[in-house]
Protein backbone atom coordinates (compact mmCIF):
# COMPACT_ATOMS: atom_id res chain seq x y z
CA GLN A 1 -5.44 68.04 -12.56
CA PRO A 2 -9.20 68.57 -11.86
CA TYR A 3 -9.54 66.28 -9.27
CA PRO A 4 -7.65 65.26 -6.19
CA ALA A 5 -6.20 61.96 -6.17
CA MET A 6 -8.11 60.38 -3.14
CA GLU A 7 -10.65 63.10 -2.16
CA LEU A 8 -13.20 66.01 -3.53
CA HIS A 9 -13.88 68.71 -1.15
CA LEU A 10 -17.49 70.55 -1.69
CA GLN A 11 -19.71 73.09 -0.46
CA LEU A 12 -22.94 72.44 0.26
CA GLN A 13 -25.43 75.69 0.31
CA MET A 14 -28.67 74.71 2.41
CA PRO A 15 -32.25 76.18 1.36
CA GLU A 16 -31.59 79.18 4.10
CA GLY A 17 -28.31 80.16 2.73
CA SER A 18 -26.01 78.56 4.91
CA ILE A 19 -22.82 76.47 3.97
CA GLU A 20 -21.56 73.17 4.93
CA HIS A 21 -18.55 71.12 3.88
CA ILE A 22 -17.98 67.75 3.10
CA VAL A 23 -15.08 65.51 1.55
CA VAL A 24 -16.06 62.44 -0.51
CA ASP A 25 -14.22 60.19 -2.68
CA PRO A 26 -14.77 61.52 -6.57
CA THR A 27 -14.78 57.94 -7.77
CA ARG A 28 -18.05 57.08 -5.95
CA ALA A 29 -21.29 57.94 -7.14
CA GLY A 30 -23.42 60.99 -6.41
CA MET A 31 -25.22 58.65 -3.43
CA ALA A 32 -22.05 59.15 -1.59
CA VAL A 33 -22.95 62.98 -1.24
CA LEU A 34 -26.45 62.08 0.05
CA ALA A 35 -24.86 59.53 2.66
CA LYS A 36 -22.87 62.55 3.94
CA MET A 37 -25.83 64.71 4.29
CA LEU A 38 -27.54 62.44 6.79
CA PRO A 39 -26.26 64.23 9.70
CA LEU A 40 -27.12 67.54 8.24
CA LYS A 41 -30.78 66.32 7.73
CA ARG A 42 -30.89 66.44 11.62
CA LYS A 43 -29.48 69.75 12.10
CA TYR A 44 -31.68 71.29 9.28
CA VAL A 45 -35.41 71.11 8.35
CA LEU A 46 -35.11 70.14 4.72
CA PRO A 47 -37.87 69.39 2.21
CA GLU A 48 -39.07 65.94 1.79
CA ASP A 49 -38.55 66.32 -2.24
CA MET A 50 -35.01 67.53 -1.34
CA ARG A 51 -32.69 67.64 -4.50
CA ILE A 52 -29.09 68.33 -4.98
CA PHE A 53 -28.19 70.46 -7.75
CA ARG A 54 -24.45 70.88 -9.38
CA PRO A 55 -23.16 74.25 -10.19
CA ASP A 56 -24.05 73.99 -13.66
CA GLY A 57 -27.76 73.73 -12.37
CA LEU A 58 -28.56 70.30 -13.29
CA PRO A 59 -29.65 67.62 -10.59
CA LEU A 60 -26.76 65.46 -8.86
CA GLU A 61 -26.87 62.07 -10.74
CA MET A 62 -26.95 59.59 -7.98
CA GLU A 63 -25.76 56.51 -9.80
CA VAL A 64 -23.19 58.27 -11.90
CA SER A 65 -19.43 59.04 -10.30
CA LEU A 66 -18.79 62.37 -8.90
CA SER A 67 -15.62 62.49 -11.39
CA SER A 68 -17.93 62.14 -14.26
CA GLN A 69 -19.98 65.05 -13.48
CA ALA A 70 -17.74 67.87 -13.84
CA LEU A 71 -17.06 68.74 -10.31
CA SER A 72 -13.84 69.83 -8.74
CA SER A 73 -13.08 70.81 -5.19
CA GLY A 74 -14.23 73.94 -4.03
CA ASP A 75 -17.48 73.63 -6.10
CA THR A 76 -20.92 74.52 -4.09
CA LEU A 77 -23.78 72.16 -4.59
CA CYS A 78 -27.39 73.65 -3.65
CA VAL A 79 -29.82 71.59 -1.62
CA GLY A 80 -33.34 72.24 -1.76
CA GLU A 81 -36.65 72.08 -3.74
CA LEU A 82 -36.26 73.52 -7.27
CA ARG A 83 -38.95 76.01 -7.77
CA ALA A 84 -37.69 77.82 -10.93
CA GLN A 85 -34.52 77.34 -13.28
CA ALA A 86 -33.79 79.83 -15.81
CA THR A 87 -30.71 80.71 -18.08
CA ARG A 88 -29.20 83.97 -18.74
CA VAL A 89 -26.20 85.34 -20.69
CA GLY A 90 -23.50 86.56 -18.36
CA VAL A 91 -21.24 89.88 -19.15
CA GLY A 92 -18.80 87.65 -20.73
CA GLY A 93 -21.30 85.77 -22.96
CA GLU A 94 -21.22 82.65 -20.88
CA LYS A 95 -24.52 81.13 -19.94
CA VAL A 96 -25.44 81.61 -16.23
CA HIS A 97 -28.05 79.39 -14.46
CA VAL A 98 -30.61 81.03 -12.26
CA MET A 99 -32.23 78.78 -9.68
CA GLU A 100 -34.68 79.67 -6.77
CA PHE A 101 -35.15 77.58 -3.93
CA ARG A 102 -38.03 77.20 -1.34
CA VAL A 103 -36.62 78.55 1.99
CA GLY A 104 -37.73 77.20 5.16
CA ALA A 105 -40.09 74.22 5.89
CA GLY A 106 -44.00 73.49 5.23
CA GLN A 107 -46.48 71.94 7.87
CA GLU A 108 -45.36 68.46 6.76
CA ASP A 109 -41.49 68.99 7.03
CA GLN A 110 -42.29 70.37 10.54
CA GLU A 111 -44.11 67.28 11.38
CA SER A 112 -41.58 64.91 10.20
CA SER A 113 -38.94 67.08 11.95
CA SER A 114 -40.58 66.21 15.35
CA GLU A 115 -39.59 62.54 14.87
CA GLY A 116 -36.17 61.39 16.62
CA PRO A 117 -33.03 61.58 14.89
CA GLU A 118 -32.84 57.98 14.82
CA ARG A 119 -35.87 57.12 13.18
CA ARG A 120 -35.48 59.61 10.71
CA ALA A 121 -31.74 58.09 10.10
CA GLY A 122 -33.38 54.76 9.56
CA VAL A 123 -35.61 56.21 6.92
CA ASP A 124 -32.66 57.57 4.97
CA ALA A 125 -30.97 54.32 5.23
CA GLN A 126 -34.18 52.43 3.83
CA GLU A 127 -34.15 54.84 1.12
CA LEU A 128 -30.67 54.39 0.07
CA LEU A 129 -30.65 50.42 0.42
CA LYS A 130 -34.17 50.55 -1.62
CA ARG A 131 -32.19 52.35 -4.41
CA ALA A 132 -29.01 50.33 -4.12
CA GLU A 133 -31.13 47.14 -4.37
CA ALA A 134 -33.10 48.58 -7.49
CA THR A 135 -29.69 49.27 -9.20
CA LEU A 136 -28.54 45.77 -8.60
CA ARG A 137 -31.89 44.52 -10.18
CA GLN A 138 -31.63 47.15 -13.21
CA THR A 139 -30.32 45.67 -16.39
CA GLY A 140 -26.99 47.39 -17.72
CA SER A 141 -26.12 48.56 -14.45
CA SER A 142 -22.35 48.12 -13.92
CA PRO A 143 -20.90 46.36 -10.84
CA THR A 144 -18.93 49.49 -9.81
CA GLU A 145 -22.15 51.64 -9.90
CA VAL A 146 -24.16 48.97 -7.74
CA LEU A 147 -21.06 48.96 -5.21
CA ALA A 148 -21.40 52.69 -4.74
CA ALA A 149 -25.01 52.54 -4.33
CA PHE A 150 -24.43 49.84 -1.54
CA ASP A 151 -21.39 51.65 -0.03
CA ALA A 152 -23.76 54.47 0.54
CA ALA A 153 -26.46 52.33 2.18
CA VAL A 154 -23.93 50.50 4.36
CA GLU A 155 -22.44 54.45 5.53
CA ALA A 156 -26.34 55.07 6.28
CA CYS A 157 -26.78 52.10 8.22
CA ALA A 158 -23.98 52.39 10.41
CA GLN A 159 -25.06 56.17 11.38
CA THR A 160 -28.63 54.98 12.34
CA GLY A 161 -26.71 52.94 15.39
CA GLN A 162 -24.91 56.20 16.35
CA ARG A 163 -26.39 57.99 19.06
CA ASP A 164 -25.66 60.00 22.15
CA PRO A 165 -24.51 57.97 25.07
CA ASP A 166 -27.23 59.98 27.18
CA GLN A 167 -30.12 59.10 25.03
CA GLU A 168 -32.57 56.47 25.77
CA PRO A 169 -31.95 53.20 23.97
CA GLN A 170 -33.83 52.28 20.90
CA ASP A 171 -37.00 50.67 21.72
CA SER A 172 -37.11 46.85 20.38
CA GLU A 173 -38.89 47.43 17.11
CA ALA A 174 -36.71 50.28 15.97
CA GLU A 175 -33.46 48.27 16.81
CA ALA A 176 -35.00 45.08 15.04
CA GLU A 177 -35.64 47.17 11.90
CA ARG A 178 -32.11 48.90 12.06
CA ARG A 179 -30.43 45.16 12.21
CA CYS A 180 -32.56 44.09 9.25
CA LEU A 181 -31.55 46.96 7.14
CA ALA A 182 -27.84 46.65 8.23
CA ALA A 183 -27.92 42.92 7.40
CA ARG A 184 -29.69 43.54 3.87
CA ALA A 185 -26.98 46.25 3.04
CA PHE A 186 -23.94 44.26 3.92
CA PHE A 187 -25.12 41.09 2.15
CA GLY A 188 -26.30 43.25 -0.80
CA ARG A 189 -22.78 44.60 -1.05
CA SER A 190 -21.31 40.88 -0.43
CA ARG A 191 -23.39 40.05 -3.59
CA VAL A 192 -21.80 42.68 -5.66
CA ARG A 193 -18.25 42.10 -4.63
CA LEU A 194 -18.88 38.38 -5.51
CA ARG A 195 -19.53 39.67 -8.95
CA LEU A 196 -16.27 41.73 -8.88
CA ARG A 197 -14.08 38.65 -7.88
CA ASP A 198 -13.31 40.77 -4.41
CA TRP A 199 -13.37 37.53 -2.53
CA HIS A 200 -12.06 38.57 0.84
CA ALA A 201 -14.41 41.92 0.93
CA ALA A 202 -17.33 39.68 0.00
CA GLN A 203 -16.31 37.34 2.66
CA GLN A 204 -16.18 40.28 5.37
CA ASP A 205 -19.53 41.62 4.04
CA ALA A 206 -21.16 38.39 4.38
CA GLU A 207 -19.68 38.04 7.98
CA GLN A 208 -21.32 41.66 8.91
CA SER A 209 -24.56 40.59 7.59
CA LEU A 210 -24.74 37.56 9.68
CA VAL A 211 -23.62 39.47 12.63
CA PHE A 212 -27.09 41.15 12.34
CA MET A 213 -28.87 38.48 11.14
CA PRO A 214 -27.35 35.01 11.87
CA GLU A 215 -29.98 32.91 10.36
CA SER A 216 -29.73 34.40 6.73
CA VAL A 217 -28.92 31.27 4.64
CA ASP A 218 -28.41 33.56 1.70
CA ALA A 219 -25.58 35.67 3.61
CA MET A 220 -24.08 32.30 4.92
CA CYS A 221 -23.89 31.20 1.13
CA CYS A 222 -22.18 34.52 0.11
CA GLN A 223 -19.67 33.59 2.77
CA GLY A 224 -19.21 30.01 1.70
CA LEU A 225 -18.85 31.09 -1.99
CA ALA A 226 -16.27 33.77 -1.07
CA LEU A 227 -14.45 31.14 1.24
CA LYS A 228 -14.48 28.58 -1.98
CA GLU A 229 -12.66 31.00 -3.92
CA LEU A 230 -10.02 31.76 -1.15
CA GLY A 231 -9.24 28.47 -0.99
CA GLU A 232 -10.59 27.79 2.51
CA THR A 233 -12.37 24.41 1.56
CA GLU A 234 -13.35 23.16 4.90
CA LYS A 235 -14.79 26.49 5.80
CA ALA A 236 -16.71 26.72 2.72
CA ARG A 237 -18.13 23.22 2.84
CA ALA A 238 -19.37 23.95 6.51
CA ARG A 239 -21.09 26.98 5.38
CA LEU A 240 -22.58 25.68 2.52
CA GLY A 241 -23.42 22.66 4.30
CA TRP A 242 -25.29 24.44 7.03
CA VAL A 243 -27.54 26.34 3.97
CA LEU A 244 -28.62 23.23 2.45
CA LEU A 245 -29.60 22.03 6.00
CA LYS A 246 -31.87 24.91 6.55
CA ASP A 247 -33.04 25.06 3.01
CA PRO A 248 -32.50 21.76 1.18
CA ALA A 249 -33.81 23.52 -2.15
CA HIS A 250 -30.92 26.39 -2.29
CA LYS A 251 -29.53 25.90 -5.88
CA VAL A 252 -26.60 28.22 -5.56
CA ALA A 253 -25.25 26.48 -2.46
CA ARG A 254 -26.01 22.94 -3.72
CA THR A 255 -24.15 23.69 -7.09
CA ALA A 256 -21.03 25.01 -5.26
CA LEU A 257 -21.12 22.21 -2.56
CA MET A 258 -20.96 19.79 -5.86
CA ALA A 259 -18.21 21.80 -7.15
CA LEU A 260 -16.05 21.50 -3.94
CA LYS A 261 -16.58 17.77 -4.03
CA THR A 262 -15.35 17.59 -7.50
CA ASP A 263 -12.50 19.66 -6.94
CA THR A 264 -11.37 17.27 -4.02
CA MET A 265 -11.77 14.07 -5.88
């Protein structure tokens, strides 16, 4: 079989030629590779317009599952800025893609590398979250594709909270930004899991979102909807009632609460 049952072992060739190894779930989208690379962006000076290229010379597709992109364990992905790409015929008559990458970093990259690792990680998480939210809004995106995008965003947000115990704590503004990103990521994934009818996971994600932003009426509504489907009627009624107290015009919460009253009559 071309893919392992649960994991895909890939090599990443960095612009200066060194090799890094990652393990990803082949059913997840290309964004999973990008999320795995976040720690590497702190280790290497990577170009701002960094791209990831498959062995066939084509860019890795961020919204398509890895198993659909002709990848196998042991394959090498090239990381960097593509300067030139050409195709020649190999000895056996096969097409060979020749790629040339920029090596090293420009002045702008050097300036960005002077930022703290937590700040850079926060920017990476924000970019992944923007992509996930855009995928959610995009007509024709399947729920599984959107879920993969939010998985990458949630993972990136989790990494922004990881720091060396000896480091100085984050300033209040950076910490507030981190909590806001995490709340949005978990809330977005909760919405997707509601669409997939994964009620338990949707409830857990909504709860996590509320940990970071307790006053979020939308996250509380998601939790109420999930609890309703799980048969936790009293808890669902309490959450949805709280939403309406905070926002009387919240149509989704009002509709769900009316449905609960009808079901219990």
